[in-house]
Amino acid sequence: MPKLSIHIVTFNSRQFIKYCLDSLFKSNFNDFQVFIIDNNSCDGTVEFINRKYFDKKKEKKLYLIKNKANKGFSGAHNQAINLTDSEYVLVLNPDTIIEPDFLSKMVNFMDKNKKTGAACGKLLKARFKNIELEQIKKTNILDTTGIKALRSNRFLDRGEREEDKGQFKTGSVFGVSGACAFYKRDALENVKMKNGDNFEYFDNDFFAYKEDIDICWRMRLFGWDIKYFADAFSYHFRAGAPSKERFSKSALIQSWSYRNHLWMLLKNSLPLCCISRIFYILWYELCKKFYFLITRPITFLKTIISLLKGFKKMYKKRRYIMKKKKIDINQICSWFNK
């Protein structure tokens, strides 16, 4: 079994997957395999991968599984994790490309940091100069250097849209973005949860959105460190500014994102840790609910119904998490007071 398994979930990802896979196969680190889980794409993603990559030697490193239905980010990545047994797992978005030394640097970093359950490198923004000519521009604008937690229980990509001037140094962060995240297998096994007859790593009930923050929060509660490594570079074709994205997101995406945010708080929050921040938390939640209710009232009501339907299941997961919690309350609170 290779030291590293790279897991990519595709859903109508034909536009980007070539750049992602080509960057992986140019890596100076060779002890890896790539598992692509396709969530029933209809844009020719699977056909392109079969045509482009499986007539070459690369098929020894590349495995492709096509699902008959969309299992979401969580379900598909859980599927891949269960199929592999490598020491490390790299969860990678199909619209991400890496530098040739990215894998070797991250593996070496993880090898040296035994108590680190998850880590990320420096993820910068990329864009197409000319897609027809396959011209890509790698920018020096940051996409993320890890997830930071605010006093309001809001979570943001640290440094997003800032020019990279080396302002973020290697060190611990609250969490890592699921766009390009390294996980230690031991940590994944430690934080997995039982859901019915199955064990899951990412929360299957989330389907998509906030599952990366949720698993990192659980890792922190279970005593794992999470780090950012400033010397490993990758690039992400993430779209436009937050203000524009907010209005362009579909009702379904907004619903999942908000519901999962509240489920995540229910599962992982420590009441004593919230007392000193209660004003910030309530103000943010009230503003969020008001905005959602005004802009999409029908979607808001459906979201609340979905939230309540899953309350019992999430509370059961909370009880499991709290029983296994190891970290001191002051340690976890410190992340929300920075």
C-alpha atoms as a PDB file:
ATOM      1  CA  MET A   1       0.000   0.000   0.000  1.00  0.00           C
ATOM      2  CA  PRO A   2       1.424   3.438  -0.950  1.00  0.00           C
ATOM      3  CA  LYS A   3       2.319   5.900   1.782  1.00  0.00           C
ATOM      4  CA  LEU A   4      -0.181   8.452   0.448  1.00  0.00           C
ATOM      5  CA  SER A   5      -3.660   8.144  -1.044  1.00  0.00           C
ATOM      6  CA  ILE A   6      -5.014  11.139  -2.943  1.00  0.00           C
ATOM      7  CA  HIS A   7      -8.799  11.306  -3.056  1.00  0.00           C
ATOM      8  CA  ILE A   8     -10.622  13.468  -5.600  1.00  0.00           C
ATOM      9  CA  VAL A   9     -14.400  13.712  -5.787  1.00  0.00           C
ATOM     10  CA  THR A  10     -15.684  14.831  -9.176  1.00  0.00           C
ATOM     11  CA  PHE A  11     -19.081  16.119 -10.192  1.00  0.00           C
ATOM     12  CA  ASN A  12     -19.158  17.689 -13.658  1.00  0.00           C
ATOM     13  CA  SER A  13     -15.466  18.533 -13.251  1.00  0.00           C
ATOM     14  CA  ARG A  14     -14.392  18.074 -16.882  1.00  0.00           C
ATOM     15  CA  GLN A  15     -13.116  21.670 -17.150  1.00  0.00           C
ATOM     16  CA  PHE A  16     -10.527  21.256 -14.376  1.00  0.00           C
ATOM     17  CA  ILE A  17      -9.620  17.599 -13.867  1.00  0.00           C
ATOM     18  CA  LYS A  18      -6.885  17.504 -16.519  1.00  0.00           C
ATOM     19  CA  TYR A  19      -4.892  20.249 -14.818  1.00  0.00           C
ATOM     20  CA  CYS A  20      -5.306  18.619 -11.424  1.00  0.00           C
ATOM     21  CA  LEU A  21      -4.203  15.136 -12.542  1.00  0.00           C
ATOM     22  CA  ASP A  22      -1.347  16.397 -14.708  1.00  0.00           C
ATOM     23  CA  SER A  23       0.064  18.325 -11.754  1.00  0.00           C
ATOM     24  CA  LEU A  24      -0.103  15.192  -9.589  1.00  0.00           C
ATOM     25  CA  PHE A  25       1.715  13.041 -12.131  1.00  0.00           C
ATOM     26  CA  LYS A  26       4.495  15.644 -12.409  1.00  0.00           C
ATOM     27  CA  SER A  27       5.209  15.329  -8.696  1.00  0.00           C
ATOM     28  CA  ASN A  28       8.717  14.449  -7.512  1.00  0.00           C
ATOM     29  CA  PHE A  29       7.074  12.199  -4.894  1.00  0.00           C
ATOM     30  CA  ASN A  30       6.024   8.846  -6.305  1.00  0.00           C
ATOM     31  CA  ASP A  31       4.743   6.782  -3.385  1.00  0.00           C
ATOM     32  CA  PHE A  32       1.075   7.606  -3.919  1.00  0.00           C
ATOM     33  CA  GLN A  33      -2.124   6.451  -5.556  1.00  0.00           C
ATOM     34  CA  VAL A  34      -5.071   8.505  -6.814  1.00  0.00           C
ATOM     35  CA  PHE A  35      -8.686   7.516  -6.198  1.00  0.00           C
ATOM     36  CA  ILE A  36     -11.285   9.457  -8.167  1.00  0.00           C
ATOM     37  CA  ILE A  37     -14.859   9.045  -6.965  1.00  0.00           C
ATOM     38  CA  ASP A  38     -17.253  10.453  -9.570  1.00  0.00           C
ATOM     39  CA  ASN A  39     -20.668  11.498  -8.275  1.00  0.00           C
ATOM     40  CA  ASN A  40     -22.581  10.668 -11.466  1.00  0.00           C
ATOM     41  CA  SER A  41     -21.209  13.454 -13.681  1.00  0.00           C
ATOM     42  CA  CYS A  42     -23.040  14.195 -16.924  1.00  0.00           C
ATOM     43  CA  ASP A  43     -20.464  16.463 -18.601  1.00  0.00           C
ATOM     44  CA  GLY A  44     -18.074  13.783 -19.892  1.00  0.00           C
ATOM     45  CA  THR A  45     -15.743  13.815 -16.862  1.00  0.00           C
ATOM     46  CA  VAL A  46     -15.526  10.017 -16.613  1.00  0.00           C
ATOM     47  CA  GLU A  47     -15.186   9.518 -20.367  1.00  0.00           C
ATOM     48  CA  PHE A  48     -12.389  12.097 -20.497  1.00  0.00           C
ATOM     49  CA  ILE A  49     -10.454  10.466 -17.655  1.00  0.00           C
ATOM     50  CA  ASN A  50     -10.778   7.023 -19.255  1.00  0.00           C
ATOM     51  CA  ARG A  51      -9.643   8.319 -22.628  1.00  0.00           C
ATOM     52  CA  LYS A  52      -6.833  10.559 -21.384  1.00  0.00           C
ATOM     53  CA  TYR A  53      -5.248   8.500 -18.606  1.00  0.00           C
ATOM     54  CA  PHE A  54      -6.045   4.817 -18.784  1.00  0.00           C
ATOM     55  CA  ASP A  55      -4.130   4.121 -21.969  1.00  0.00           C
ATOM     56  CA  LYS A  56      -0.845   5.053 -20.291  1.00  0.00           C
ATOM     57  CA  LYS A  57       1.324   3.827 -17.416  1.00  0.00           C
ATOM     58  CA  LYS A  58      -0.463   6.170 -15.071  1.00  0.00           C
ATOM     59  CA  GLU A  59      -3.304   3.681 -14.603  1.00  0.00           C
ATOM     60  CA  LYS A  60      -1.116   1.876 -12.049  1.00  0.00           C
ATOM     61  CA  LYS A  61      -1.530   4.884  -9.778  1.00  0.00           C
ATOM     62  CA  LEU A  62      -5.044   5.897 -10.812  1.00  0.00           C
ATOM     63  CA  TYR A  63      -8.371   4.334  -9.852  1.00  0.00           C
ATOM     64  CA  LEU A  64     -11.767   5.580 -10.986  1.00  0.00           C
ATOM     65  CA  ILE A  65     -15.119   4.713  -9.441  1.00  0.00           C
ATOM     66  CA  LYS A  66     -18.360   6.046 -10.898  1.00  0.00           C
ATOM     67  CA  ASN A  67     -21.282   6.293  -8.497  1.00  0.00           C
ATOM     68  CA  LYS A  68     -24.797   5.836  -9.833  1.00  0.00           C
ATOM     69  CA  ALA A  69     -25.993   8.718  -7.649  1.00  0.00           C
ATOM     70  CA  ASN A  70     -24.458  11.841  -6.146  1.00  0.00           C
ATOM     71  CA  LYS A  71     -23.217  10.936  -2.648  1.00  0.00           C
ATOM     72  CA  GLY A  72     -21.969  14.432  -1.944  1.00  0.00           C
ATOM     73  CA  PHE A  73     -18.528  15.490  -0.718  1.00  0.00           C
ATOM     74  CA  SER A  74     -18.839  13.629   2.570  1.00  0.00           C
ATOM     75  CA  GLY A  75     -20.192  10.344   1.267  1.00  0.00           C
ATOM     76  CA  ALA A  76     -17.809  10.084  -1.656  1.00  0.00           C
ATOM     77  CA  HIS A  77     -14.717  10.908   0.416  1.00  0.00           C
ATOM     78  CA  ASN A  78     -15.787   8.428   3.077  1.00  0.00           C
ATOM     79  CA  GLN A  79     -16.100   5.892   0.285  1.00  0.00           C
ATOM     80  CA  ALA A  80     -12.517   6.571  -0.822  1.00  0.00           C
ATOM     81  CA  ILE A  81     -11.112   6.499   2.721  1.00  0.00           C
ATOM     82  CA  ASN A  82     -12.720   3.104   3.296  1.00  0.00           C
ATOM     83  CA  LEU A  83     -11.131   1.766   0.101  1.00  0.00           C
ATOM     84  CA  THR A  84      -7.585   2.728   1.074  1.00  0.00           C
ATOM     85  CA  ASP A  85      -5.156   1.983   3.896  1.00  0.00           C
ATOM     86  CA  SER A  86      -2.338   4.478   3.355  1.00  0.00           C
ATOM     87  CA  GLU A  87      -0.533   6.269   6.170  1.00  0.00           C
ATOM     88  CA  TYR A  88      -1.709   9.640   4.880  1.00  0.00           C
ATOM     89  CA  VAL A  89      -4.754  10.834   2.929  1.00  0.00           C
ATOM     90  CA  LEU A  90      -4.852  13.941   0.752  1.00  0.00           C
ATOM     91  CA  VAL A  91      -8.362  15.237   0.112  1.00  0.00           C
ATOM     92  CA  LEU A  92      -8.099  17.306  -3.057  1.00  0.00           C
ATOM     93  CA  ASN A  93     -10.633  19.314  -5.043  1.00  0.00           C
ATOM     94  CA  PRO A  94     -10.610  18.658  -8.804  1.00  0.00           C
ATOM     95  CA  ASP A  95     -10.103  22.401  -9.442  1.00  0.00           C
ATOM     96  CA  THR A  96      -6.797  22.389  -7.560  1.00  0.00           C
ATOM     97  CA  ILE A  97      -3.249  22.032  -8.908  1.00  0.00           C
ATOM     98  CA  ILE A  98      -0.054  21.379  -6.966  1.00  0.00           C
ATOM     99  CA  GLU A  99       3.597  22.266  -7.350  1.00  0.00           C
ATOM    100  CA  PRO A 100       5.943  19.314  -8.165  1.00  0.00           C
ATOM    101  CA  ASP A 101       7.446  19.329  -4.645  1.00  0.00           C
ATOM    102  CA  PHE A 102       4.144  19.805  -2.796  1.00  0.00           C
ATOM    103  CA  LEU A 103       3.555  16.141  -1.943  1.00  0.00           C
ATOM    104  CA  SER A 104       7.131  15.431  -0.813  1.00  0.00           C
ATOM    105  CA  LYS A 105       7.198  18.539   1.385  1.00  0.00           C
ATOM    106  CA  MET A 106       3.843  17.783   2.997  1.00  0.00           C
ATOM    107  CA  VAL A 107       4.653  14.115   3.643  1.00  0.00           C
ATOM    108  CA  ASN A 108       7.995  15.052   5.220  1.00  0.00           C
ATOM    109  CA  PHE A 109       6.250  17.684   7.326  1.00  0.00           C
ATOM    110  CA  MET A 110       3.658  15.190   8.553  1.00  0.00           C
ATOM    111  CA  ASP A 111       6.374  12.620   9.295  1.00  0.00           C
ATOM    112  CA  LYS A 112       8.084  15.132  11.583  1.00  0.00           C
ATOM    113  CA  ASN A 113       4.882  16.181  13.362  1.00  0.00           C
ATOM    114  CA  LYS A 114       3.546  12.974  14.892  1.00  0.00           C
ATOM    115  CA  LYS A 115       0.742  14.632  16.875  1.00  0.00           C
ATOM    116  CA  THR A 116      -0.607  16.475  13.847  1.00  0.00           C
ATOM    117  CA  GLY A 117      -3.865  14.958  12.620  1.00  0.00           C
ATOM    118  CA  ALA A 118      -4.413  17.318   9.684  1.00  0.00           C
ATOM    119  CA  ALA A 119      -2.328  19.854   7.803  1.00  0.00           C
ATOM    120  CA  CYS A 120      -2.412  22.164   4.813  1.00  0.00           C
ATOM    121  CA  GLY A 121       0.098  24.010   2.701  1.00  0.00           C
ATOM    122  CA  LYS A 122      -0.187  27.477   1.210  1.00  0.00           C
ATOM    123  CA  LEU A 123      -3.158  27.461  -1.176  1.00  0.00           C
ATOM    124  CA  LEU A 124      -3.073  30.337  -3.649  1.00  0.00           C
ATOM    125  CA  LYS A 125      -5.545  31.365  -6.308  1.00  0.00           C
ATOM    126  CA  ALA A 126      -5.228  30.344  -9.944  1.00  0.00           C
ATOM    127  CA  ARG A 127      -7.134  31.479 -12.994  1.00  0.00           C
ATOM    128  CA  PHE A 128      -7.225  30.759 -16.712  1.00  0.00           C
ATOM    129  CA  LYS A 129      -5.403  33.197 -18.975  1.00  0.00           C
ATOM    130  CA  ASN A 130      -6.782  31.339 -21.994  1.00  0.00           C
ATOM    131  CA  ILE A 131      -8.601  28.069 -21.443  1.00  0.00           C
ATOM    132  CA  GLU A 132      -8.524  27.152 -25.140  1.00  0.00           C
ATOM    133  CA  LEU A 133      -4.738  27.433 -25.165  1.00  0.00           C
ATOM    134  CA  GLU A 134      -4.543  25.771 -21.735  1.00  0.00           C
ATOM    135  CA  GLN A 135      -2.816  28.817 -20.275  1.00  0.00           C
ATOM    136  CA  ILE A 136      -2.987  29.037 -16.475  1.00  0.00           C
ATOM    137  CA  LYS A 137      -1.937  31.959 -14.326  1.00  0.00           C
ATOM    138  CA  LYS A 138      -0.720  31.116 -10.835  1.00  0.00           C
ATOM    139  CA  THR A 139      -1.275  34.188  -8.696  1.00  0.00           C
ATOM    140  CA  ASN A 140       0.265  35.357  -5.427  1.00  0.00           C
ATOM    141  CA  ILE A 141      -3.198  35.943  -3.959  1.00  0.00           C
ATOM    142  CA  LEU A 142      -3.989  33.666  -1.051  1.00  0.00           C
ATOM    143  CA  ASP A 143      -6.946  31.309  -1.111  1.00  0.00           C
ATOM    144  CA  THR A 144      -6.391  29.858   2.353  1.00  0.00           C
ATOM    145  CA  THR A 145      -3.666  29.257   4.913  1.00  0.00           C
ATOM    146  CA  GLY A 146      -5.989  27.308   7.166  1.00  0.00           C
ATOM    147  CA  ILE A 147      -9.360  27.851   8.828  1.00  0.00           C
ATOM    148  CA  LYS A 148      -9.653  30.435  11.594  1.00  0.00           C
ATOM    149  CA  ALA A 149     -12.448  30.486  14.190  1.00  0.00           C
ATOM    150  CA  LEU A 150     -14.015  33.805  15.210  1.00  0.00           C
ATOM    151  CA  ARG A 151     -15.647  34.733  18.516  1.00  0.00           C
ATOM    152  CA  SER A 152     -19.036  34.530  16.813  1.00  0.00           C
ATOM    153  CA  ASN A 153     -18.522  30.860  15.882  1.00  0.00           C
ATOM    154  CA  ARG A 154     -17.996  31.951  12.303  1.00  0.00           C
ATOM    155  CA  PHE A 155     -15.232  30.209  10.383  1.00  0.00           C
ATOM    156  CA  LEU A 156     -13.152  31.799   7.622  1.00  0.00           C
ATOM    157  CA  ASP A 157     -10.286  30.924   5.318  1.00  0.00           C
ATOM    158  CA  ARG A 158      -7.335  32.721   6.876  1.00  0.00           C
ATOM    159  CA  GLY A 159      -5.728  35.239   4.556  1.00  0.00           C
ATOM    160  CA  GLU A 160      -8.214  34.771   1.706  1.00  0.00           C
ATOM    161  CA  ARG A 161      -7.755  37.425  -1.024  1.00  0.00           C
ATOM    162  CA  GLU A 162      -4.685  38.887   0.641  1.00  0.00           C
ATOM    163  CA  GLU A 163      -1.486  39.245  -1.333  1.00  0.00           C
ATOM    164  CA  ASP A 164       1.031  36.677  -0.156  1.00  0.00           C
ATOM    165  CA  LYS A 165       3.892  38.510   1.526  1.00  0.00           C
ATOM    166  CA  GLY A 166       4.909  35.660   3.790  1.00  0.00           C
ATOM    167  CA  GLN A 167       2.757  37.082   6.581  1.00  0.00           C
ATOM    168  CA  PHE A 168       1.506  33.654   7.661  1.00  0.00           C
ATOM    169  CA  LYS A 169       4.185  31.470   9.186  1.00  0.00           C
ATOM    170  CA  THR A 170       4.238  27.712   9.709  1.00  0.00           C
ATOM    171  CA  GLY A 171       2.304  26.802  12.842  1.00  0.00           C
ATOM    172  CA  SER A 172      -0.954  25.580  14.323  1.00  0.00           C
ATOM    173  CA  VAL A 173      -4.340  26.588  12.909  1.00  0.00           C
ATOM    174  CA  PHE A 174      -7.875  25.731  13.998  1.00  0.00           C
ATOM    175  CA  GLY A 175      -8.615  23.710  10.866  1.00  0.00           C
ATOM    176  CA  VAL A 176      -7.826  23.117   7.195  1.00  0.00           C
ATOM    177  CA  SER A 177      -9.919  23.635   4.087  1.00  0.00           C
ATOM    178  CA  GLY A 178     -11.229  20.515   2.356  1.00  0.00           C
ATOM    179  CA  ALA A 179     -10.012  21.912  -0.968  1.00  0.00           C
ATOM    180  CA  CYS A 180      -6.516  20.591  -0.252  1.00  0.00           C
ATOM    181  CA  ALA A 181      -6.131  18.854   3.110  1.00  0.00           C
ATOM    182  CA  PHE A 182      -3.658  16.261   4.404  1.00  0.00           C
ATOM    183  CA  TYR A 183      -4.922  13.849   7.064  1.00  0.00           C
ATOM    184  CA  LYS A 184      -3.072  11.292   9.141  1.00  0.00           C
ATOM    185  CA  ARG A 185      -4.799   7.909   8.894  1.00  0.00           C
ATOM    186  CA  ASP A 186      -4.495   7.348  12.651  1.00  0.00           C
ATOM    187  CA  ALA A 187      -6.333  10.620  13.272  1.00  0.00           C
ATOM    188  CA  LEU A 188      -9.116   9.742  10.838  1.00  0.00           C
ATOM    189  CA  GLU A 189      -9.604   6.389  12.519  1.00  0.00           C
ATOM    190  CA  ASN A 190      -9.609   8.048  15.923  1.00  0.00           C
ATOM    191  CA  VAL A 191     -12.351  10.584  15.065  1.00  0.00           C
ATOM    192  CA  LYS A 192     -14.630   8.414  12.927  1.00  0.00           C
ATOM    193  CA  MET A 193     -18.191   8.047  14.190  1.00  0.00           C
ATOM    194  CA  LYS A 194     -20.785   5.307  13.984  1.00  0.00           C
ATOM    195  CA  ASN A 195     -23.856   6.245  11.926  1.00  0.00           C
ATOM    196  CA  GLY A 196     -26.328   3.384  11.838  1.00  0.00           C
ATOM    197  CA  ASP A 197     -24.459   0.284  10.708  1.00  0.00           C
ATOM    198  CA  ASN A 198     -21.545   2.229   9.206  1.00  0.00           C
ATOM    199  CA  PHE A 199     -18.588   4.281  10.403  1.00  0.00           C
ATOM    200  CA  GLU A 200     -17.999   7.655   8.824  1.00  0.00           C
ATOM    201  CA  TYR A 201     -15.143  10.139   8.862  1.00  0.00           C
ATOM    202  CA  PHE A 202     -16.775  13.187   7.306  1.00  0.00           C
ATOM    203  CA  ASP A 203     -20.386  13.508   8.443  1.00  0.00           C
ATOM    204  CA  ASN A 204     -22.543  11.869   5.751  1.00  0.00           C
ATOM    205  CA  ASP A 205     -25.600  13.796   6.890  1.00  0.00           C
ATOM    206  CA  PHE A 206     -23.903  17.059   5.908  1.00  0.00           C
ATOM    207  CA  PHE A 207     -23.682  15.867   2.257  1.00  0.00           C
ATOM    208  CA  ALA A 208     -21.619  18.952   1.359  1.00  0.00           C
ATOM    209  CA  TYR A 209     -20.394  22.185   3.013  1.00  0.00           C
ATOM    210  CA  LYS A 210     -18.850  22.658   6.479  1.00  0.00           C
ATOM    211  CA  GLU A 211     -17.842  18.992   6.748  1.00  0.00           C
ATOM    212  CA  ASP A 212     -14.162  19.999   6.619  1.00  0.00           C
ATOM    213  CA  ILE A 213     -14.547  22.350   9.602  1.00  0.00           C
ATOM    214  CA  ASP A 214     -16.624  19.765  11.454  1.00  0.00           C
ATOM    215  CA  ILE A 215     -13.982  17.034  11.236  1.00  0.00           C
ATOM    216  CA  CYS A 216     -11.206  19.448  12.247  1.00  0.00           C
ATOM    217  CA  TRP A 217     -13.196  20.639  15.255  1.00  0.00           C
ATOM    218  CA  ARG A 218     -13.637  16.992  16.262  1.00  0.00           C
ATOM    219  CA  MET A 219      -9.905  16.360  15.847  1.00  0.00           C
ATOM    220  CA  ARG A 220      -9.128  19.295  18.113  1.00  0.00           C
ATOM    221  CA  LEU A 221     -11.585  18.044  20.743  1.00  0.00           C
ATOM    222  CA  PHE A 222      -9.924  14.626  20.584  1.00  0.00           C
ATOM    223  CA  GLY A 223      -6.499  16.158  21.202  1.00  0.00           C
ATOM    224  CA  TRP A 224      -4.947  16.284  17.725  1.00  0.00           C
ATOM    225  CA  ASP A 225      -2.957  19.271  16.514  1.00  0.00           C
ATOM    226  CA  ILE A 226      -3.663  20.844  13.096  1.00  0.00           C
ATOM    227  CA  LYS A 227      -0.969  22.749  11.250  1.00  0.00           C
ATOM    228  CA  TYR A 228      -0.260  25.065   8.339  1.00  0.00           C
ATOM    229  CA  PHE A 229       3.010  24.550   6.438  1.00  0.00           C
ATOM    230  CA  ALA A 230       4.091  27.708   4.629  1.00  0.00           C
ATOM    231  CA  ASP A 231       6.674  26.105   2.312  1.00  0.00           C
ATOM    232  CA  ALA A 232       4.327  23.810   0.330  1.00  0.00           C
ATOM    233  CA  PHE A 233       2.394  25.473  -2.518  1.00  0.00           C
ATOM    234  CA  SER A 234      -0.789  24.590  -4.367  1.00  0.00           C
ATOM    235  CA  TYR A 235      -3.347  26.581  -6.380  1.00  0.00           C
ATOM    236  CA  HIS A 236      -7.133  26.723  -6.504  1.00  0.00           C
ATOM    237  CA  PHE A 237      -9.520  27.946  -9.211  1.00  0.00           C
ATOM    238  CA  ARG A 238     -12.049  29.240  -6.656  1.00  0.00           C
ATOM    239  CA  ALA A 239     -14.554  31.754  -8.069  1.00  0.00           C
ATOM    240  CA  GLY A 240     -15.269  35.476  -7.347  1.00  0.00           C
ATOM    241  CA  ALA A 241     -15.564  37.645  -4.269  1.00  0.00           C
ATOM    242  CA  PRO A 242     -17.606  36.603  -1.244  1.00  0.00           C
ATOM    243  CA  SER A 243     -20.197  39.347  -1.712  1.00  0.00           C
ATOM    244  CA  LYS A 244     -20.900  38.192  -5.258  1.00  0.00           C
ATOM    245  CA  GLU A 245     -20.817  34.510  -4.348  1.00  0.00           C
ATOM    246  CA  ARG A 246     -23.381  35.042  -1.626  1.00  0.00           C
ATOM    247  CA  PHE A 247     -25.974  36.277  -4.111  1.00  0.00           C
ATOM    248  CA  SER A 248     -25.102  33.740  -6.813  1.00  0.00           C
ATOM    249  CA  LYS A 249     -25.294  30.628  -4.619  1.00  0.00           C
ATOM    250  CA  SER A 250     -28.284  28.432  -5.250  1.00  0.00           C
ATOM    251  CA  ALA A 251     -30.989  28.146  -2.631  1.00  0.00           C
ATOM    252  CA  LEU A 252     -30.029  24.515  -2.051  1.00  0.00           C
ATOM    253  CA  ILE A 253     -26.369  25.372  -1.394  1.00  0.00           C
ATOM    254  CA  GLN A 254     -27.326  28.141   1.018  1.00  0.00           C
ATOM    255  CA  SER A 255     -29.678  25.768   2.795  1.00  0.00           C
ATOM    256  CA  TRP A 256     -27.063  23.040   3.215  1.00  0.00           C
ATOM    257  CA  SER A 257     -24.412  25.518   4.335  1.00  0.00           C
ATOM    258  CA  TYR A 258     -26.570  27.131   7.017  1.00  0.00           C
ATOM    259  CA  ARG A 259     -28.117  23.883   8.255  1.00  0.00           C
ATOM    260  CA  ASN A 260     -24.699  22.234   8.493  1.00  0.00           C
ATOM    261  CA  HIS A 261     -23.305  25.261  10.329  1.00  0.00           C
ATOM    262  CA  LEU A 262     -25.939  24.852  13.046  1.00  0.00           C
ATOM    263  CA  TRP A 263     -25.570  21.067  13.163  1.00  0.00           C
ATOM    264  CA  MET A 264     -21.824  21.531  13.555  1.00  0.00           C
ATOM    265  CA  LEU A 265     -22.336  23.876  16.510  1.00  0.00           C
ATOM    266  CA  LEU A 266     -24.710  21.405  18.128  1.00  0.00           C
ATOM    267  CA  LYS A 267     -22.228  18.551  17.754  1.00  0.00           C
ATOM    268  CA  ASN A 268     -19.040  20.277  18.855  1.00  0.00           C
ATOM    269  CA  SER A 269     -19.662  23.406  20.943  1.00  0.00           C
ATOM    270  CA  LEU A 270     -18.719  23.522  24.612  1.00  0.00           C
ATOM    271  CA  PRO A 271     -21.301  25.612  26.552  1.00  0.00           C
ATOM    272  CA  LEU A 272     -18.758  26.972  29.026  1.00  0.00           C
ATOM    273  CA  CYS A 273     -16.608  28.075  26.102  1.00  0.00           C
ATOM    274  CA  CYS A 274     -19.506  30.069  24.629  1.00  0.00           C
ATOM    275  CA  ILE A 275     -20.504  32.074  27.716  1.00  0.00           C
ATOM    276  CA  SER A 276     -17.856  34.782  27.343  1.00  0.00           C
ATOM    277  CA  ARG A 277     -18.669  35.093  23.630  1.00  0.00           C
ATOM    278  CA  ILE A 278     -22.456  34.922  23.834  1.00  0.00           C
ATOM    279  CA  PHE A 279     -23.032  38.457  22.512  1.00  0.00           C
ATOM    280  CA  TYR A 280     -20.897  37.837  19.426  1.00  0.00           C
ATOM    281  CA  ILE A 281     -22.572  34.468  18.808  1.00  0.00           C
ATOM    282  CA  LEU A 282     -26.130  35.742  19.155  1.00  0.00           C
ATOM    283  CA  TRP A 283     -25.492  38.829  17.040  1.00  0.00           C
ATOM    284  CA  TYR A 284     -23.998  36.788  14.201  1.00  0.00           C
ATOM    285  CA  GLU A 285     -26.757  34.162  14.303  1.00  0.00           C
ATOM    286  CA  LEU A 286     -29.520  36.774  14.399  1.00  0.00           C
ATOM    287  CA  CYS A 287     -28.016  38.662  11.456  1.00  0.00           C
ATOM    288  CA  LYS A 288     -27.550  35.430   9.522  1.00  0.00           C
ATOM    289  CA  LYS A 289     -31.128  34.293  10.147  1.00  0.00           C
ATOM    290  CA  PHE A 290     -32.561  37.719   9.310  1.00  0.00           C
ATOM    291  CA  TYR A 291     -30.622  37.931   6.053  1.00  0.00           C
ATOM    292  CA  PHE A 292     -31.625  34.400   5.034  1.00  0.00           C
ATOM    293  CA  LEU A 293     -35.272  34.963   6.001  1.00  0.00           C
ATOM    294  CA  ILE A 294     -35.510  38.222   4.026  1.00  0.00           C
ATOM    295  CA  THR A 295     -33.696  37.045   0.899  1.00  0.00           C
ATOM    296  CA  ARG A 296     -35.049  33.488   0.691  1.00  0.00           C
ATOM    297  CA  PRO A 297     -37.964  32.962   3.105  1.00  0.00           C
ATOM    298  CA  ILE A 298     -39.176  29.653   1.619  1.00  0.00           C
ATOM    299  CA  THR A 299     -35.672  28.198   1.630  1.00  0.00           C
ATOM    300  CA  PHE A 300     -35.182  29.430   5.204  1.00  0.00           C
ATOM    301  CA  LEU A 301     -38.292  27.610   6.414  1.00  0.00           C
ATOM    302  CA  LYS A 302     -37.272  24.411   4.619  1.00  0.00           C
ATOM    303  CA  THR A 303     -33.827  24.699   6.195  1.00  0.00           C
ATOM    304  CA  ILE A 304     -35.272  24.996   9.690  1.00  0.00           C
ATOM    305  CA  ILE A 305     -37.464  21.943   9.079  1.00  0.00           C
ATOM    306  CA  SER A 306     -34.450  19.953   7.848  1.00  0.00           C
ATOM    307  CA  LEU A 307     -32.426  21.184  10.837  1.00  0.00           C
ATOM    308  CA  LEU A 308     -35.059  20.016  13.307  1.00  0.00           C
ATOM    309  CA  LYS A 309     -35.504  16.649  11.610  1.00  0.00           C
ATOM    310  CA  GLY A 310     -31.822  15.932  12.111  1.00  0.00           C
ATOM    311  CA  PHE A 311     -31.648  17.294  15.666  1.00  0.00           C
ATOM    312  CA  LYS A 312     -32.002  13.939  17.433  1.00  0.00           C
ATOM    313  CA  LYS A 313     -29.330  12.299  15.277  1.00  0.00           C
ATOM    314  CA  MET A 314     -26.913  15.216  15.747  1.00  0.00           C
ATOM    315  CA  TYR A 315     -27.453  15.226  19.487  1.00  0.00           C
ATOM    316  CA  LYS A 316     -26.622  11.516  19.574  1.00  0.00           C
ATOM    317  CA  LYS A 317     -23.389  12.280  17.715  1.00  0.00           C
ATOM    318  CA  ARG A 318     -22.685  15.072  20.183  1.00  0.00           C
ATOM    319  CA  ARG A 319     -22.935  12.667  23.096  1.00  0.00           C
ATOM    320  CA  TYR A 320     -20.431  10.345  21.428  1.00  0.00           C
ATOM    321  CA  ILE A 321     -18.015  13.220  20.736  1.00  0.00           C
ATOM    322  CA  MET A 322     -18.222  14.597  24.272  1.00  0.00           C
ATOM    323  CA  LYS A 323     -17.519  11.170  25.754  1.00  0.00           C
ATOM    324  CA  LYS A 324     -14.300  10.921  23.738  1.00  0.00           C
ATOM    325  CA  LYS A 325     -13.247  14.557  24.211  1.00  0.00           C
ATOM    326  CA  LYS A 326      -9.729  14.881  25.602  1.00  0.00           C
ATOM    327  CA  ILE A 327      -8.752  18.506  25.209  1.00  0.00           C
ATOM    328  CA  ASP A 328      -8.932  20.946  28.106  1.00  0.00           C
ATOM    329  CA  ILE A 329     -11.716  23.506  27.741  1.00  0.00           C
ATOM    330  CA  ASN A 330      -9.262  26.399  27.965  1.00  0.00           C
ATOM    331  CA  GLN A 331      -7.343  25.033  24.998  1.00  0.00           C
ATOM    332  CA  ILE A 332     -10.366  24.889  22.723  1.00  0.00           C
ATOM    333  CA  CYS A 333     -11.700  28.245  23.972  1.00  0.00           C
ATOM    334  CA  SER A 334      -8.399  29.911  23.083  1.00  0.00           C
ATOM    335  CA  TRP A 335      -9.041  29.293  19.372  1.00  0.00           C
ATOM    336  CA  PHE A 336     -12.238  31.343  19.483  1.00  0.00           C
ATOM    337  CA  ASN A 337     -10.756  34.296  21.331  1.00  0.00           C
ATOM    338  CA  LYS A 338      -8.000  35.175  18.879  1.00  0.00           C
END
